Amino acid sequence: MIIRKRLTAGVCVLLATLAAGLGTALPAAADEPPATPSPKVELVLDVSGSMRTRDMDGESRISAAKQAFNDVLDAVPEEVELGIRTLGADYPGDDRKVGCKDTKQLYPVGPLDRTEAKTAVATLAPTGWTPIGPALLGAADDLEGGDATRRIVLITDGEDTCGPLDPCEVARDIAARGIHLVIDTLGLVPNAKIRQQLTCIAEATGGTYTAVQHTDELSGRVKQLVDRAAEPAVTPVATEGAGSCSAAPELKAGLYTDRQEIGKHRWYRVDVLPGQELRASVSVAADRAVDNDYGVLLRAVTAHGREIVRGAESGTGRTDAISTGLRYPKPEADDVDADVKPAAEAVCLQLSNSFSAPESVKTTPGMPVELTIDLVDSPDEAADAAAFGLGRGWWLLGVMVLTGLIAGLLFGWISRWRVAVWRTN
């Protein structure tokens, strides 16, 4: 009877909702939310003198890059705004100061005119230096502004020749801006030093490094990265943890990014209502040369400093990131007036790390941090056994224990009966 009443009520609510929706369909069309911002991608191509080398399927590196660019330009999704920047394309001289400024935007980031972009690429000829750092800074400026996802795809055949501006440090500084810009790198030469530099650039921003030695590989990989930019993704919100619980920023459910220096603490605050469960997880990326054996600790404490729960993890240098998490279910309040809004509890999250590094390694900006906060309904009372580490499987464990006990008793009784029969015979 109760089920029938609930079903009837549900049908009534559904019909009422449909009627309301039909009645307001036209006005709602005028209030539609704005379209998602178009993702932005800039391809950064090395046009330095070494790109003349003929080791890409019998062709020069620049010819392979041009062919790959033409393939990519034909396949760029309509919603993607794409631009092209070059480095080392104009200055052929020996003046280092001039050569290290040789980067320019070949095609502006925006709606793509495929013919115009291909024409611009066709004019390129290997010329000068390899100013990767300045080119990355220029590309970051090209992509700045708005809330769209941003991606730089760097294609190069060599190391940066414009030190002391370290392109890896440049990538870290770009990541520290909090504009959620990802840099992917493609190396055309399988050289250990080149691979190390390009890997560092990519990892500093959450990107990828790929070594390519064939034209079709280059074309396929760049297409894949451009398509990835068009895929919907959760954009993390940049935040800045405080040095104490009292000054901590208040976070809602969502994904956040921050920076944490080696050996420093970061504090965040989350308000948890009675009947809610706080779930928090954190990942810290080792984006620089750190010592082996490190750890990360995430603690939930009350506003008065009493520890509620903690999660910790340690590593031995085999991974580039380390993660941990915690859960805190806040019980429902007893005898609460239905007209009174329940008070939330301020829970402070303390993030600590035990990284160390040689003195030559820079500590700023801090290492990348990704923090996930979720607030869900607390488990019901039947799941309270989770406090003992059993979770919702407590009943299954009980059945297994009872089955084992009964089986043991039966086996013992049968064994004694067989012995008794054997003795009588």
Protein backbone atom coordinates (compact mmCIF):
# COMPACT_ATOMS: atom_id res chain seq x y z
CA MET A 1 0.00 0.00 0.00
CA ILE A 2 2.84 2.36 0.93
CA ILE A 3 4.69 1.51 -2.29
CA ARG A 4 1.55 2.20 -4.34
CA LYS A 5 1.09 5.61 -2.66
CA ARG A 6 4.72 6.54 -3.30
CA LEU A 7 4.47 5.46 -6.94
CA THR A 8 1.30 7.54 -7.42
CA ALA A 9 2.97 10.56 -5.82
CA GLY A 10 6.04 10.13 -8.00
CA VAL A 11 3.93 10.01 -11.18
CA CYS A 12 2.09 13.17 -10.12
CA VAL A 13 5.35 15.00 -9.48
CA LEU A 14 6.70 13.88 -12.88
CA LEU A 15 3.56 15.08 -14.70
CA ALA A 16 3.65 18.38 -12.87
CA THR A 17 7.28 18.86 -13.76
CA LEU A 18 6.63 18.12 -17.44
CA ALA A 19 3.69 20.53 -17.47
CA ALA A 20 5.77 23.26 -15.89
CA GLY A 21 8.58 22.62 -18.36
CA LEU A 22 6.22 22.84 -21.36
CA GLY A 23 4.65 25.99 -20.00
CA THR A 24 7.99 27.76 -19.67
CA ALA A 25 9.85 26.28 -22.65
CA LEU A 26 9.95 29.45 -24.69
CA PRO A 27 11.08 31.87 -21.93
CA ALA A 28 13.76 29.40 -20.83
CA ALA A 29 15.32 29.45 -24.28
CA ALA A 30 16.26 33.07 -23.74
CA ASP A 31 17.98 32.22 -20.44
CA GLU A 32 20.17 29.39 -21.71
CA PRO A 33 23.63 29.35 -20.12
CA PRO A 34 26.47 30.67 -22.27
CA ALA A 35 28.30 28.20 -24.45
CA THR A 36 31.47 26.57 -23.12
CA PRO A 37 34.55 28.64 -24.05
CA SER A 38 36.47 27.27 -27.02
CA PRO A 39 39.66 25.43 -26.05
CA LYS A 40 42.88 27.13 -27.10
CA VAL A 41 45.96 25.40 -28.51
CA GLU A 42 49.25 26.85 -29.73
CA LEU A 43 51.73 24.77 -31.71
CA VAL A 44 55.31 25.91 -31.05
CA LEU A 45 57.70 24.77 -33.80
CA ASP A 46 61.49 24.78 -33.65
CA VAL A 47 62.84 26.27 -36.91
CA SER A 48 66.50 26.44 -35.83
CA GLY A 49 69.35 25.52 -38.16
CA SER A 50 69.51 21.90 -36.99
CA MET A 51 66.05 21.28 -38.48
CA ARG A 52 67.78 20.95 -41.88
CA THR A 53 69.08 17.50 -40.86
CA ARG A 54 67.69 14.74 -43.10
CA ASP A 55 66.87 11.88 -40.77
CA MET A 56 63.06 11.72 -40.82
CA ASP A 57 62.12 9.02 -43.32
CA GLY A 58 64.71 10.37 -45.77
CA GLU A 59 63.44 13.94 -45.46
CA SER A 60 64.63 16.91 -43.45
CA ARG A 61 63.13 17.46 -40.02
CA ILE A 62 61.50 20.70 -41.13
CA SER A 63 59.88 18.99 -44.13
CA ALA A 64 58.46 16.29 -41.86
CA ALA A 65 57.19 18.96 -39.46
CA LYS A 66 55.52 20.91 -42.30
CA GLN A 67 53.81 17.79 -43.60
CA ALA A 68 52.62 16.90 -40.10
CA PHE A 69 51.32 20.45 -39.60
CA ASN A 70 49.32 20.26 -42.84
CA ASP A 71 47.76 16.98 -41.71
CA VAL A 72 46.95 18.45 -38.30
CA LEU A 73 45.48 21.65 -39.74
CA ASP A 74 43.10 19.59 -41.89
CA ALA A 75 41.87 17.70 -38.82
CA VAL A 76 41.56 20.43 -36.17
CA PRO A 77 38.10 20.23 -34.50
CA GLU A 78 35.87 23.18 -35.32
CA GLU A 79 35.55 24.22 -31.68
CA VAL A 80 39.31 24.55 -31.15
CA GLU A 81 41.03 27.93 -31.47
CA LEU A 82 44.53 27.23 -32.78
CA GLY A 83 47.65 29.35 -33.20
CA ILE A 84 51.24 28.75 -34.32
CA ARG A 85 54.46 30.18 -32.84
CA THR A 86 58.00 29.66 -34.10
CA LEU A 87 61.43 29.82 -32.52
CA GLY A 88 64.69 30.34 -34.37
CA ALA A 89 62.94 31.15 -37.65
CA ASP A 90 64.34 34.60 -38.54
CA TYR A 91 67.81 35.46 -37.21
CA PRO A 92 70.73 33.64 -38.95
CA GLY A 93 73.57 35.48 -37.20
CA ASP A 94 75.93 34.73 -34.30
CA ASP A 95 74.78 37.40 -31.84
CA ARG A 96 73.45 35.33 -28.94
CA LYS A 97 71.49 38.22 -27.45
CA VAL A 98 69.58 38.75 -30.69
CA GLY A 99 69.23 35.04 -31.47
CA CYS A 100 67.68 34.34 -28.09
CA LYS A 101 64.86 36.79 -28.83
CA ASP A 102 64.02 35.06 -32.11
CA THR A 103 60.48 33.87 -31.46
CA LYS A 104 57.27 35.15 -32.98
CA GLN A 105 53.63 34.23 -33.44
CA LEU A 106 53.25 32.94 -37.00
CA TYR A 107 49.45 32.54 -36.84
CA PRO A 108 47.27 34.10 -34.09
CA VAL A 109 45.22 31.95 -31.72
CA GLY A 110 41.61 32.03 -32.88
CA PRO A 111 39.15 30.48 -35.36
CA LEU A 112 41.23 28.61 -37.91
CA ASP A 113 41.59 29.60 -41.56
CA ARG A 114 43.24 26.41 -42.80
CA THR A 115 44.50 27.85 -46.09
CA GLU A 116 46.05 30.90 -44.43
CA ALA A 117 47.69 28.80 -41.73
CA LYS A 118 49.16 26.33 -44.27
CA THR A 119 50.51 29.21 -46.35
CA ALA A 120 52.26 30.64 -43.30
CA VAL A 121 53.84 27.26 -42.45
CA ALA A 122 55.04 26.79 -46.04
CA THR A 123 57.24 29.91 -45.80
CA LEU A 124 59.36 28.52 -42.91
CA ALA A 125 63.02 27.64 -43.42
CA PRO A 126 65.57 26.47 -40.79
CA THR A 127 67.54 29.52 -39.69
CA GLY A 128 68.86 30.23 -36.22
CA TRP A 129 69.02 29.57 -32.49
CA THR A 130 66.81 27.47 -30.16
CA PRO A 131 65.23 29.88 -27.63
CA ILE A 132 62.77 27.41 -26.05
CA GLY A 133 62.33 29.37 -22.81
CA PRO A 134 61.40 32.68 -24.49
CA ALA A 135 59.11 30.82 -26.92
CA LEU A 136 57.20 29.18 -24.05
CA LEU A 137 56.79 32.55 -22.33
CA GLY A 138 55.49 34.05 -25.58
CA ALA A 139 53.07 31.15 -26.11
CA ALA A 140 51.74 31.46 -22.55
CA ASP A 141 51.03 35.15 -23.23
CA ASP A 142 49.35 34.25 -26.54
CA LEU A 143 46.95 31.92 -24.70
CA GLU A 144 46.24 34.12 -21.69
CA GLY A 145 42.75 35.33 -20.87
CA GLY A 146 39.37 33.67 -20.50
CA ASP A 147 38.36 30.40 -18.86
CA ALA A 148 39.02 28.05 -21.76
CA THR A 149 41.36 25.07 -21.49
CA ARG A 150 44.84 25.90 -22.80
CA ARG A 151 47.55 23.70 -24.27
CA ILE A 152 50.99 24.30 -25.78
CA VAL A 153 52.48 21.63 -28.06
CA LEU A 154 56.25 22.12 -28.42
CA ILE A 155 58.04 20.36 -31.31
CA THR A 156 61.84 20.59 -31.22
CA ASP A 157 64.98 18.68 -32.15
CA GLY A 158 67.38 20.11 -29.58
CA GLU A 159 68.11 21.65 -26.23
CA ASP A 160 67.54 25.29 -25.44
CA THR A 161 70.60 27.33 -26.51
CA CYS A 162 69.68 30.46 -24.59
CA GLY A 163 70.72 29.79 -20.99
CA PRO A 164 70.78 30.79 -18.20
CA LEU A 165 67.01 31.04 -18.80
CA ASP A 166 66.15 27.40 -18.01
CA PRO A 167 63.03 26.33 -19.95
CA CYS A 168 62.15 23.91 -17.16
CA GLU A 169 62.07 26.81 -14.68
CA VAL A 170 60.03 28.77 -17.22
CA ALA A 171 57.48 25.94 -17.33
CA ARG A 172 57.27 25.91 -13.52
CA ASP A 173 56.72 29.67 -13.48
CA ILE A 174 53.96 29.29 -16.08
CA ALA A 175 52.32 26.57 -13.97
CA ALA A 176 52.58 28.79 -10.89
CA ARG A 177 50.43 31.43 -12.60
CA GLY A 178 47.43 29.20 -11.96
CA ILE A 179 46.06 29.54 -15.50
CA HIS A 180 45.83 25.75 -15.96
CA LEU A 181 48.02 25.67 -19.05
CA VAL A 182 49.41 22.28 -20.09
CA ILE A 183 52.64 21.95 -22.10
CA ASP A 184 53.21 18.79 -24.15
CA THR A 185 56.64 18.24 -25.70
CA LEU A 186 57.72 16.22 -28.75
CA GLY A 187 61.40 15.50 -29.31
CA LEU A 188 62.64 14.69 -32.80
CA VAL A 189 66.02 13.37 -31.58
CA PRO A 190 66.29 10.49 -29.05
CA ASN A 191 69.02 12.20 -27.04
CA ALA A 192 69.23 11.70 -23.25
CA LYS A 193 69.84 15.39 -22.43
CA ILE A 194 67.08 16.54 -24.77
CA ARG A 195 64.70 13.96 -23.32
CA GLN A 196 65.51 15.09 -19.77
CA GLN A 197 64.84 18.74 -20.54
CA LEU A 198 61.62 18.13 -22.48
CA THR A 199 60.34 15.71 -19.84
CA CYS A 200 60.94 18.30 -17.13
CA ILE A 201 59.05 20.95 -19.12
CA ALA A 202 56.07 18.65 -19.62
CA GLU A 203 55.90 17.32 -16.05
CA ALA A 204 56.00 20.83 -14.58
CA THR A 205 52.57 21.53 -16.10
CA GLY A 206 51.01 18.06 -16.10
CA GLY A 207 51.80 17.47 -19.76
CA THR A 208 53.47 14.61 -21.63
CA TYR A 209 56.77 14.02 -23.44
CA THR A 210 56.96 11.91 -26.59
CA ALA A 211 59.95 10.98 -28.75
CA VAL A 212 59.07 10.79 -32.48
CA GLN A 213 61.34 9.83 -35.38
CA HIS A 214 58.84 9.34 -38.21
CA THR A 215 56.53 11.76 -40.00
CA ASP A 216 53.38 9.72 -39.43
CA GLU A 217 54.20 9.43 -35.71
CA LEU A 218 54.61 13.20 -35.46
CA SER A 219 51.37 13.86 -37.30
CA GLY A 220 49.41 11.33 -35.25
CA ARG A 221 50.71 12.54 -31.91
CA VAL A 222 50.03 16.23 -32.58
CA LYS A 223 46.52 15.38 -33.79
CA GLN A 224 45.95 13.40 -30.60
CA LEU A 225 47.06 16.30 -28.40
CA VAL A 226 44.90 18.84 -30.26
CA ASP A 227 41.89 16.51 -29.99
CA ARG A 228 42.59 16.08 -26.29
CA ALA A 229 42.31 19.83 -25.80
CA ALA A 230 38.79 19.67 -27.21
CA GLU A 231 37.68 17.00 -24.78
CA PRO A 232 35.63 18.28 -21.83
CA ALA A 233 37.63 18.26 -18.62
CA VAL A 234 37.22 19.45 -15.07
CA THR A 235 39.18 22.68 -14.70
CA PRO A 236 40.86 22.89 -11.30
CA VAL A 237 40.42 26.06 -9.29
CA ALA A 238 43.64 27.75 -8.20
CA THR A 239 43.80 28.31 -4.45
CA GLU A 240 46.46 29.24 -1.93
CA GLY A 241 46.66 27.37 1.35
CA ALA A 242 47.51 29.29 4.51
CA GLY A 243 50.16 28.79 7.14
CA SER A 244 47.62 28.10 9.88
CA CYS A 245 44.14 26.71 10.41
CA SER A 246 42.69 30.08 11.45
CA ALA A 247 43.79 31.74 8.20
CA ALA A 248 42.92 28.82 5.90
CA PRO A 249 40.77 29.48 2.79
CA GLU A 250 37.29 27.93 2.83
CA LEU A 251 36.86 25.30 0.12
CA LYS A 252 33.67 23.78 -1.29
CA ALA A 253 33.38 20.44 -3.07
CA GLY A 254 35.60 20.54 -6.15
CA LEU A 255 39.09 20.19 -7.62
CA TYR A 256 41.82 22.63 -6.57
CA THR A 257 45.47 23.31 -7.40
CA ASP A 258 48.14 24.88 -5.25
CA ARG A 259 51.91 25.00 -4.77
CA GLN A 260 53.75 23.69 -1.71
CA GLU A 261 57.40 24.27 -0.87
CA ILE A 262 59.53 21.43 0.43
CA GLY A 263 59.05 20.88 4.16
CA LYS A 264 56.28 23.51 4.48
CA HIS A 265 52.67 23.08 5.68
CA ARG A 266 49.50 24.14 3.86
CA TRP A 267 46.11 24.59 5.56
CA TYR A 268 42.60 24.54 4.06
CA ARG A 269 39.13 24.61 5.67
CA VAL A 270 35.93 22.75 4.79
CA ASP A 271 32.53 23.19 6.50
CA VAL A 272 30.88 19.80 7.11
CA LEU A 273 27.17 19.58 8.01
CA PRO A 274 25.76 16.87 10.31
CA GLY A 275 24.98 13.81 8.19
CA GLN A 276 27.68 14.59 5.63
CA GLU A 277 30.92 12.74 4.95
CA LEU A 278 34.02 14.67 3.99
CA ARG A 279 36.23 12.92 1.46
CA ALA A 280 39.56 14.56 0.63
CA SER A 281 42.51 13.41 -1.43
CA VAL A 282 45.74 15.13 -2.39
CA SER A 283 48.56 14.53 -4.87
CA VAL A 284 51.95 16.25 -4.75
CA ALA A 285 54.13 16.08 -7.88
CA ALA A 286 57.91 15.88 -7.62
CA ASP A 287 58.58 18.21 -10.55
CA ARG A 288 62.27 18.60 -9.75
CA ALA A 289 65.26 16.50 -8.69
CA VAL A 290 64.37 15.47 -5.13
CA ASP A 291 66.05 12.95 -2.85
CA ASN A 292 64.78 9.41 -2.57
CA ASP A 293 62.46 8.47 0.33
CA TYR A 294 59.71 11.03 0.82
CA GLY A 295 56.16 11.20 2.07
CA VAL A 296 52.95 13.21 2.20
CA LEU A 297 50.50 13.59 5.09
CA LEU A 298 46.92 14.88 5.04
CA ARG A 299 45.30 15.51 8.45
CA ALA A 300 41.76 16.58 9.34
CA VAL A 301 41.59 18.50 12.61
CA THR A 302 38.98 20.52 14.46
CA ALA A 303 39.22 24.29 14.68
CA HIS A 304 40.70 23.76 18.16
CA GLY A 305 43.49 21.53 16.89
CA ARG A 306 42.17 18.07 17.84
CA GLU A 307 43.05 15.49 15.19
CA ILE A 308 40.05 13.69 13.66
CA VAL A 309 41.62 11.43 11.04
CA ARG A 310 44.71 11.29 8.87
CA GLY A 311 46.00 9.76 5.65
CA ALA A 312 49.69 9.25 4.86
CA GLU A 313 51.77 7.76 2.08
CA SER A 314 55.50 7.36 1.48
CA GLY A 315 57.63 6.77 -1.60
CA THR A 316 61.13 5.68 -2.54
CA GLY A 317 61.80 7.89 -5.55
CA ARG A 318 60.24 5.59 -8.15
CA THR A 319 57.25 7.81 -8.88
CA ASP A 320 56.86 11.45 -9.92
CA ALA A 321 53.80 12.00 -7.74
CA ILE A 322 52.57 10.76 -4.37
CA SER A 323 48.97 10.74 -3.15
CA THR A 324 46.93 10.10 -0.04
CA GLY A 325 43.39 10.73 1.24
CA LEU A 326 40.98 10.56 4.14
CA ARG A 327 37.27 10.25 5.03
CA TYR A 328 35.40 11.85 7.91
CA PRO A 329 31.67 11.04 8.40
CA LYS A 330 29.95 13.56 10.68
CA PRO A 331 27.01 11.96 12.55
CA GLU A 332 23.49 13.37 12.38
CA ALA A 333 22.68 15.69 15.26
CA ASP A 334 20.14 14.38 17.81
CA ASP A 335 16.93 16.25 18.75
CA VAL A 336 17.36 19.02 16.21
CA ASP A 337 14.46 21.41 15.58
CA ALA A 338 13.24 20.88 12.01
CA ASP A 339 12.97 24.66 11.54
CA VAL A 340 16.55 25.31 12.61
CA LYS A 341 19.33 24.91 10.08
CA PRO A 342 21.97 22.52 11.45
CA ALA A 343 25.32 24.12 12.26
CA ALA A 344 28.31 23.12 10.18
CA GLU A 345 31.58 22.00 11.69
CA ALA A 346 34.73 23.73 10.48
CA VAL A 347 37.23 21.00 9.61
CA CYS A 348 40.78 22.08 8.83
CA LEU A 349 42.93 20.05 6.43
CA GLN A 350 46.67 20.16 7.01
CA LEU A 351 48.94 19.13 4.14
CA SER A 352 52.53 18.26 5.02
CA ASN A 353 55.39 16.75 3.03
CA SER A 354 58.75 15.20 3.83
CA PHE A 355 60.53 15.90 0.57
CA SER A 356 64.19 16.95 0.56
CA ALA A 357 66.49 18.06 -2.23
CA PRO A 358 70.11 19.04 -2.87
CA GLU A 359 71.02 22.66 -2.18
CA SER A 360 71.35 23.33 -5.91
CA VAL A 361 67.63 22.62 -6.45
CA LYS A 362 65.33 25.65 -6.30
CA THR A 363 62.53 25.53 -3.76
CA THR A 364 60.34 28.15 -5.47
CA PRO A 365 57.83 27.96 -6.90
CA GLY A 366 56.58 25.12 -4.73
CA MET A 367 55.75 21.67 -6.03
CA PRO A 368 52.37 21.23 -7.80
CA VAL A 369 49.51 20.16 -5.53
CA GLU A 370 46.12 18.80 -6.65
CA LEU A 371 43.46 18.66 -3.95
CA THR A 372 40.04 17.02 -4.36
CA ILE A 373 37.22 17.81 -1.92
CA ASP A 374 33.88 15.99 -1.87
CA LEU A 375 30.93 16.18 0.52
CA VAL A 376 28.42 13.31 0.36
CA ASP A 377 25.68 11.89 2.56
CA SER A 378 27.12 9.90 5.46
CA PRO A 379 26.71 6.10 5.43
CA ASP A 380 23.64 4.79 7.28
CA GLU A 381 23.80 3.31 10.79
CA ALA A 382 24.14 -0.22 9.41
CA ALA A 383 27.52 0.78 8.03
CA ASP A 384 28.86 1.97 11.39
CA ALA A 385 30.98 -1.16 11.48
CA ALA A 386 33.25 0.70 9.05
CA ALA A 387 34.79 2.21 12.18
CA PHE A 388 36.32 -1.21 12.77
CA GLY A 389 37.69 -1.36 9.24
CA LEU A 390 35.01 -3.76 7.98
CA GLY A 391 32.99 -1.38 5.77
CA ARG A 392 29.73 -2.72 4.38
CA GLY A 393 31.16 -6.23 4.15
CA TRP A 394 30.77 -6.90 7.89
CA TRP A 395 27.73 -9.12 7.33
CA LEU A 396 29.59 -11.23 4.75
CA LEU A 397 32.44 -11.71 7.19
CA GLY A 398 29.94 -12.78 9.87
CA VAL A 399 28.39 -15.35 7.52
CA MET A 400 31.84 -16.72 6.68
CA VAL A 401 32.76 -17.04 10.37
CA LEU A 402 29.46 -18.78 11.20
CA THR A 403 29.81 -21.14 8.21
CA GLY A 404 33.34 -22.03 9.28
CA LEU A 405 32.21 -22.73 12.84
CA ILE A 406 29.36 -25.01 11.74
CA ALA A 407 31.61 -26.82 9.26
CA GLY A 408 34.22 -27.37 11.97
CA LEU A 409 31.66 -28.79 14.40
CA LEU A 410 30.23 -31.15 11.74
CA PHE A 411 33.68 -32.33 10.70
CA GLY A 412 34.63 -33.02 14.33
CA TRP A 413 31.39 -34.93 15.03
CA ILE A 414 31.77 -37.06 11.87
CA SER A 415 35.41 -37.82 12.71
CA ARG A 416 34.51 -38.96 16.25
CA TRP A 417 31.65 -41.12 14.91
CA ARG A 418 33.95 -42.83 12.40
CA VAL A 419 36.52 -43.55 15.12
CA ALA A 420 33.81 -44.99 17.36
CA VAL A 421 32.56 -47.27 14.55
CA TRP A 422 36.09 -48.43 13.77
CA ARG A 423 36.72 -49.40 17.42
CA THR A 424 33.49 -51.40 17.69
CA ASN A 425 34.45 -53.41 14.62
